């Protein structure tokens, strides 16, 4: 997944063919590519030279999203994901500084086409499940975008012009769903991935993305993720909270009870995060649009 032009694919197949012809004879290399143009480029790259044409019978290029995958693969395999996870959709979360309750971000678009961030107390099922998984994996001990000391939190709310919500946290909900796909359809996989562990010039917040726009053929960092290209660091050190619970509980997390602490408990109380009424607006998913759209695969 995330094969780009297919150069790494050719290098791997060249190496296996040279070092162990018997393994090469039973090797299948499947590319899962959501982009039709990249899928076509990879096919042409396979036929570009006589040496690469020899691999054609070993390669299948599957033009679909990994999140629409429906084919069970019981055999041992290596699953490669190169510079993919930084493009996965994240959900923007802010916390009520006084109660530690999470609010989920949405994007409102008014009749003039202008974008506005809006935060609500009610979490959607995917975000709520992420909080349950994280709580089960860490026992509630994980970084937060607000002071953990209740005295400091109280004092921060008394400061002049103090915000009632914390800085944003960008939670990797799409990455969690990707691990679900691996568990369901590739039970004997070994994951090999390469990506950015940290990104410079990120916007403010926890696990915050780099936001960029293009001006005169150059990438320029900006601070508003609503209408620009974003990339979130995968934060490899935090992956254990998404994978360790599954190894120990094997699928029970989806039905586990939510934590009882205020910081994990969704609320139906009205949000104070927006001061403007947008009667003609419609709601969309924050940060890279809807989670039903896969990017970067």
Protein backbone atom coordinates (compact mmCIF):
# COMPACT_ATOMS: atom_id res chain seq x y z
CA UNK A 1 0.00 0.00 0.00
CA UNK A 2 1.38 3.39 -0.98
CA UNK A 3 3.57 1.93 -3.75
CA UNK A 4 4.09 5.23 -5.56
CA UNK A 5 5.81 4.58 -8.90
CA UNK A 6 6.58 0.99 -7.93
CA UNK A 7 10.35 1.40 -7.57
CA UNK A 8 10.56 -0.35 -4.19
CA UNK A 9 8.46 -3.21 -5.57
CA UNK A 10 10.92 -3.77 -8.41
CA UNK A 11 13.92 -3.60 -6.05
CA UNK A 12 12.40 -6.19 -3.70
CA UNK A 13 11.50 -8.56 -6.52
CA UNK A 14 14.94 -8.15 -8.13
CA UNK A 15 16.59 -9.05 -4.82
CA UNK A 16 14.43 -12.11 -4.13
CA UNK A 17 14.93 -13.38 -7.70
CA UNK A 18 18.70 -13.04 -7.39
CA UNK A 19 19.16 -14.37 -3.84
CA UNK A 20 16.58 -17.17 -3.63
CA UNK A 21 14.96 -18.25 -6.91
CA UNK A 22 12.84 -20.88 -5.13
CA UNK A 23 11.23 -18.26 -2.90
CA UNK A 24 10.81 -15.99 -5.92
CA UNK A 25 8.93 -18.75 -7.78
CA UNK A 26 6.17 -18.74 -5.14
CA UNK A 27 6.14 -15.00 -4.40
CA UNK A 28 3.10 -12.85 -5.16
CA UNK A 29 3.34 -9.06 -4.86
CA UNK A 30 -0.03 -7.32 -4.52
CA UNK A 31 -0.30 -3.55 -4.78
CA UNK A 32 -3.39 -1.95 -3.22
CA UNK A 33 -3.68 1.42 -4.95
CA UNK A 34 -6.63 3.79 -4.56
CA UNK A 35 -5.44 6.17 -7.31
CA UNK A 36 -6.26 5.06 -10.90
CA UNK A 37 -3.46 7.23 -12.31
CA UNK A 38 -0.85 5.72 -9.97
CA UNK A 39 -2.14 2.21 -10.69
CA UNK A 40 -1.62 2.88 -14.40
CA UNK A 41 1.86 4.30 -13.74
CA UNK A 42 2.83 1.21 -11.74
CA UNK A 43 1.64 -1.07 -14.56
CA UNK A 44 3.72 0.85 -17.11
CA UNK A 45 6.73 0.79 -14.79
CA UNK A 46 6.49 -3.01 -14.69
CA UNK A 47 6.82 -3.13 -18.48
CA UNK A 48 9.47 -0.42 -18.87
CA UNK A 49 12.51 -2.72 -19.14
CA UNK A 50 13.18 -6.33 -20.07
CA UNK A 51 14.28 -7.02 -16.49
CA UNK A 52 11.15 -5.55 -14.93
CA UNK A 53 8.91 -7.31 -17.47
CA UNK A 54 10.09 -10.58 -15.96
CA UNK A 55 8.18 -9.72 -12.77
CA UNK A 56 4.84 -9.18 -14.49
CA UNK A 57 3.49 -12.62 -13.60
CA UNK A 58 4.32 -12.04 -9.94
CA UNK A 59 2.43 -8.76 -9.51
CA UNK A 60 -1.25 -7.90 -9.11
CA UNK A 61 -2.30 -4.24 -8.98
CA UNK A 62 -5.64 -3.87 -7.20
CA UNK A 63 -7.22 -0.46 -7.76
CA UNK A 64 -9.31 0.02 -4.60
CA UNK A 65 -9.17 1.49 -1.11
CA UNK A 66 -7.79 -0.68 1.68
CA UNK A 67 -10.88 0.33 3.67
CA UNK A 68 -13.06 -1.40 1.06
CA UNK A 69 -11.01 -4.60 1.21
CA UNK A 70 -13.10 -7.79 1.34
CA UNK A 71 -10.73 -10.64 0.44
CA UNK A 72 -9.53 -12.91 3.23
CA UNK A 73 -5.81 -13.80 3.08
CA UNK A 74 -4.95 -16.56 5.61
CA UNK A 75 -1.39 -17.17 4.38
CA UNK A 76 1.64 -15.51 6.00
CA UNK A 77 2.49 -12.27 4.23
CA UNK A 78 4.38 -9.03 4.60
CA UNK A 79 2.20 -5.93 4.46
CA UNK A 80 4.16 -2.86 3.34
CA UNK A 81 2.90 0.69 3.92
CA UNK A 82 5.28 3.42 2.77
CA UNK A 83 4.50 7.04 3.72
CA UNK A 84 0.79 6.32 4.00
CA UNK A 85 -0.20 6.86 7.61
CA UNK A 86 0.67 10.57 7.67
CA UNK A 87 -2.12 11.05 5.12
CA UNK A 88 -4.78 9.14 7.04
CA UNK A 89 -7.72 11.18 8.33
CA UNK A 90 -7.62 12.27 11.97
CA UNK A 91 -10.38 13.64 14.16
CA UNK A 92 -9.94 16.98 15.91
CA UNK A 93 -10.77 16.80 19.62
CA UNK A 94 -10.78 19.60 22.20
CA UNK A 95 -11.45 19.22 25.91
CA UNK A 96 -13.49 21.29 28.31
CA UNK A 97 -10.73 22.56 30.59
CA UNK A 98 -12.97 22.55 33.67
CA UNK A 99 -14.55 19.08 33.29
CA UNK A 100 -12.03 17.30 31.00
CA UNK A 101 -14.90 16.23 28.75
CA UNK A 102 -13.94 15.70 25.07
CA UNK A 103 -15.67 17.58 22.27
CA UNK A 104 -15.42 16.37 18.69
CA UNK A 105 -14.69 18.77 15.87
CA UNK A 106 -16.89 19.24 12.83
CA UNK A 107 -16.72 21.68 9.95
CA UNK A 108 -19.64 23.95 9.16
CA UNK A 109 -19.98 25.49 5.71
CA UNK A 110 -22.26 28.50 5.44
CA UNK A 111 -24.20 29.73 2.45
CA UNK A 112 -21.21 31.73 1.22
CA UNK A 113 -18.94 28.68 1.24
CA UNK A 114 -16.90 29.81 4.26
CA UNK A 115 -15.62 27.12 6.66
CA UNK A 116 -15.97 27.22 10.45
CA UNK A 117 -14.86 24.79 13.13
CA UNK A 118 -17.58 23.64 15.51
CA UNK A 119 -17.18 21.32 18.50
CA UNK A 120 -19.92 19.16 20.03
CA UNK A 121 -19.96 17.04 23.19
CA UNK A 122 -21.42 13.96 21.49
CA UNK A 123 -18.71 11.70 20.03
CA UNK A 124 -19.41 9.61 16.95
CA UNK A 125 -19.00 5.80 17.31
CA UNK A 126 -15.51 5.69 15.78
CA UNK A 127 -14.08 8.43 17.99
CA UNK A 128 -15.81 6.97 21.07
CA UNK A 129 -14.28 3.58 20.33
CA UNK A 130 -10.83 5.14 19.99
CA UNK A 131 -11.17 6.57 23.51
CA UNK A 132 -12.17 3.13 24.84
CA UNK A 133 -9.21 1.47 23.12
CA UNK A 134 -6.78 4.09 24.39
CA UNK A 135 -8.11 3.88 27.93
CA UNK A 136 -7.92 0.06 27.95
CA UNK A 137 -4.36 0.11 26.62
CA UNK A 138 -2.95 2.82 28.88
CA UNK A 139 -5.06 2.69 32.02
CA UNK A 140 -5.88 6.34 31.45
CA UNK A 141 -2.21 7.41 31.39
CA UNK A 142 -1.55 9.21 28.12
CA UNK A 143 -0.55 12.72 26.98
CA UNK A 144 -3.26 15.36 27.17
CA UNK A 145 -3.41 18.85 25.64
CA UNK A 146 -4.24 20.48 28.99
CA UNK A 147 -2.72 20.47 32.52
CA UNK A 148 -3.26 17.20 34.38
CA UNK A 149 -3.15 19.03 37.72
CA UNK A 150 -6.73 20.12 38.63
CA UNK A 151 -5.44 23.22 40.44
CA UNK A 152 -3.58 24.38 37.34
CA UNK A 153 -6.64 23.70 35.21
CA UNK A 154 -8.79 25.77 37.55
CA UNK A 155 -6.30 28.63 37.54
CA UNK A 156 -6.04 28.57 33.76
CA UNK A 157 -9.79 29.15 33.46
CA UNK A 158 -9.51 32.26 35.63
CA UNK A 159 -6.96 33.98 33.44
CA UNK A 160 -8.12 37.00 31.43
CA UNK A 161 -9.49 35.98 28.02
CA UNK A 162 -8.96 32.32 28.91
CA UNK A 163 -10.35 29.83 26.39
CA UNK A 164 -12.97 27.43 27.65
CA UNK A 165 -11.56 24.64 25.49
CA UNK A 166 -8.07 23.12 25.37
CA UNK A 167 -5.71 23.08 22.42
CA UNK A 168 -6.79 20.46 19.86
CA UNK A 169 -5.71 16.84 19.89
CA UNK A 170 -5.72 15.01 16.57
CA UNK A 171 -6.61 11.36 17.21
CA UNK A 172 -5.70 8.70 14.58
CA UNK A 173 -9.15 7.19 14.08
CA UNK A 174 -8.44 6.10 10.49
CA UNK A 175 -5.25 4.35 11.57
CA UNK A 176 -7.27 2.41 14.14
CA UNK A 177 -9.65 1.30 11.38
CA UNK A 178 -6.67 0.24 9.25
CA UNK A 179 -5.48 -2.06 12.03
CA UNK A 180 -9.01 -3.51 12.09
CA UNK A 181 -8.65 -4.39 8.39
CA UNK A 182 -5.30 -6.07 9.01
CA UNK A 183 -6.71 -8.13 11.86
CA UNK A 184 -9.83 -9.18 9.96
CA UNK A 185 -8.43 -9.98 6.52
CA UNK A 186 -4.67 -10.54 7.05
CA UNK A 187 -4.43 -12.52 10.31
CA UNK A 188 -0.91 -13.84 9.57
CA UNK A 189 0.57 -10.55 8.37
CA UNK A 190 3.84 -8.87 9.31
CA UNK A 191 3.60 -5.09 9.00
CA UNK A 192 6.57 -3.20 7.55
CA UNK A 193 6.10 0.55 7.36
CA UNK A 194 8.09 3.72 6.88
CA UNK A 195 6.82 7.20 7.65
CA UNK A 196 7.53 10.47 9.43
CA UNK A 197 7.77 10.17 13.21
CA UNK A 198 7.71 13.96 13.58
CA UNK A 199 7.05 16.89 11.29
CA UNK A 200 8.49 20.43 11.57
CA UNK A 201 6.32 23.55 11.53
CA UNK A 202 3.24 21.73 12.81
CA UNK A 203 0.24 23.76 13.91
CA UNK A 204 -0.61 24.08 17.58
CA UNK A 205 -1.97 21.00 19.35
CA UNK A 206 -1.21 17.41 20.35
CA UNK A 207 -0.22 15.16 17.43
CA UNK A 208 -0.93 18.21 15.28
CA UNK A 209 -0.48 18.21 11.51
CA UNK A 210 1.66 20.27 9.21
CA UNK A 211 -0.68 22.42 7.13
CA UNK A 212 0.54 23.67 3.76
CA UNK A 213 -0.66 25.44 0.66
CA UNK A 214 1.08 26.01 -2.67
CA UNK A 215 2.11 29.47 -3.84
CA UNK A 216 4.23 30.10 -6.95
CA UNK A 217 5.10 26.38 -7.13
CA UNK A 218 6.36 26.34 -3.54
CA UNK A 219 4.86 24.78 -0.41
CA UNK A 220 4.03 27.42 2.21
CA UNK A 221 3.12 26.49 5.82
CA UNK A 222 -0.18 27.92 7.09
CA UNK A 223 -2.16 27.57 10.31
CA UNK A 224 -5.69 26.73 9.13
CA UNK A 225 -6.27 23.04 8.32
CA UNK A 226 -9.78 23.58 6.92
CA UNK A 227 -8.88 24.31 3.30
CA UNK A 228 -5.25 23.21 2.96
CA UNK A 229 -3.24 20.02 2.61
CA UNK A 230 -2.43 18.41 5.96
CA UNK A 231 -0.08 15.66 7.16
CA UNK A 232 -0.17 14.23 10.67
CA UNK A 233 2.91 12.49 12.16
CA UNK A 234 2.09 8.80 12.77
CA UNK A 235 3.82 8.90 16.19
CA UNK A 236 5.12 5.34 16.17
CA UNK A 237 5.65 5.41 19.92
CA UNK A 238 1.87 5.62 20.44
CA UNK A 239 1.03 2.65 18.23
CA UNK A 240 1.22 0.19 21.12
CA UNK A 241 -2.00 1.65 22.52
CA UNK A 242 -3.81 0.57 19.33
CA UNK A 243 -2.21 -2.86 18.89
CA UNK A 244 -1.42 -4.16 22.38
CA UNK A 245 -5.04 -4.42 23.59
CA UNK A 246 -5.93 -6.61 20.62
CA UNK A 247 -3.13 -9.03 21.35
CA UNK A 248 -4.36 -9.48 24.90
CA UNK A 249 -8.15 -9.28 24.50
CA UNK A 250 -8.59 -10.44 20.89
CA UNK A 251 -11.51 -8.44 19.68
CA UNK A 252 -13.34 -7.61 22.90
CA UNK A 253 -12.61 -3.91 22.77
CA UNK A 254 -15.50 -3.02 20.50
CA UNK A 255 -18.00 -4.07 23.13
CA UNK A 256 -16.14 -2.90 26.23
CA UNK A 257 -17.79 -0.36 28.51
CA UNK A 258 -16.59 3.23 28.17
CA UNK A 259 -14.45 4.69 30.96
CA UNK A 260 -16.33 6.43 33.71
CA UNK A 261 -13.96 9.38 34.04
CA UNK A 262 -15.25 12.71 32.86
CA UNK A 263 -12.49 13.00 30.28
CA UNK A 264 -13.85 9.98 28.39
CA UNK A 265 -17.60 10.40 28.89
CA UNK A 266 -19.52 11.96 25.97
CA UNK A 267 -22.18 14.49 26.86
CA UNK A 268 -25.25 15.84 25.12
CA UNK A 269 -24.92 19.29 26.67
CA UNK A 270 -24.78 22.18 24.17
CA UNK A 271 -21.30 23.24 23.08
CA UNK A 272 -19.85 26.62 23.94
CA UNK A 273 -17.28 26.39 21.16
CA UNK A 274 -19.18 28.37 18.53
CA UNK A 275 -20.52 31.88 18.84
CA UNK A 276 -22.03 32.15 15.37
CA UNK A 277 -25.34 30.66 14.22
CA UNK A 278 -25.13 29.10 10.78
CA UNK A 279 -28.67 28.16 9.91
CA UNK A 280 -27.90 27.19 6.33
CA UNK A 281 -24.70 25.29 7.01
CA UNK A 282 -24.06 21.61 6.55
CA UNK A 283 -21.80 19.38 8.63
CA UNK A 284 -18.81 17.49 7.25
CA UNK A 285 -15.95 15.51 8.77
CA UNK A 286 -13.09 17.56 10.11
CA UNK A 287 -9.47 17.12 8.98
CA UNK A 288 -9.24 15.82 5.41
CA UNK A 289 -12.94 15.35 4.93
CA UNK A 290 -14.97 12.23 5.56
CA UNK A 291 -13.34 9.17 7.04
CA UNK A 292 -15.08 7.12 4.34
CA UNK A 293 -12.55 8.53 1.87
CA UNK A 294 -9.12 6.95 2.02
CA UNK A 295 -6.10 9.04 1.13
CA UNK A 296 -2.50 8.25 0.46
CA UNK A 297 -2.89 4.53 -0.32
